[in-house]
């Protein structure tokens, strides 16, 4: 399986109308948000380079923020280019959600650089890929030769939005019981097929195999009432085989926290005929005190999201 680029510390973003909302105060338990800066759009060809410069400077400034763990812009450009997704300042709600899914970014930052009279203005959008909430901040470029100062002003404003609106930018977390109850509503009618889960996993920070996505899927499917047959059982073949590959790798370090990116690619086949029934993939980011724990959590998150889409497909 092709390995994706790493997350790194660098500087800092689904589109909905700009609304004013007072969020709950930021508490010490809030973890930094996985943030990606996209290229800034320009209305004038003469300032195209400045649009790219704004994104580069902004990415560098935000890398020092305690509220953001950065997804490197070059990595984002590469991943989105492979999927033929536009990454200009005109990001739609659907596009932003897709970008978040592919890159693991919880927040996208993008915007526009344009002239107002004799001055240039920078307008940035802070977009949650989980809740579709959008915030806007602006800065004036009084001196084009000192663009860095204006970007620093913009960065400070973005940092405040990330810190004070954490709960609005991150999707509400269900309890394990709530999630299981909701998944049960997606299960098809009986009789349920028997399933085997066989996912090849590795963490690039260690040599030993330490399954996380496979364990999460087997446990949840068992709780949903499916008969899960272990892949090592040569005496009994399941109706359906859920197979694939997964990996996690170290992202960024910020203080005592470490981020990891997890990627899972799955397919479901009917074992009696080899017919391919379904295929999908998911990328997630997790932050924790240790890289191994963060990597396992990223893969568990990815497995949980894939199960949302997989369970309705598991019918006889």
Foldseek 3Di string as FASTA:
>chain_A
DDDADFAEQWFAAAADDADDDFAAAFDPPDAAFEEEEFFEAEPDPVCNVVSNVLSRLRRHLHSQFRNYRYGYHVSLCVQCVVVVQDGYQPHHLVNLLVSCFRRQGQWYKYYYWYDDVPWIKTKIWIAGSAQRHIHIDMFICPDPVPVSVRSNVVSVVVSVCSRRHVVNSHDDDDDPVVLLVVLLVLADDDPFWAEEEEEAEEEPVDDDGDDQLSVLLVVSCVVSPHHYDYPPPPPDDTQKYKYWYKYKYWHYDDVQKTKIKMKIKIWMAGVVPRHTQDIDMGMHMAMDRDRVVRRSVRSSVRSSVVSVVCNNSRDD
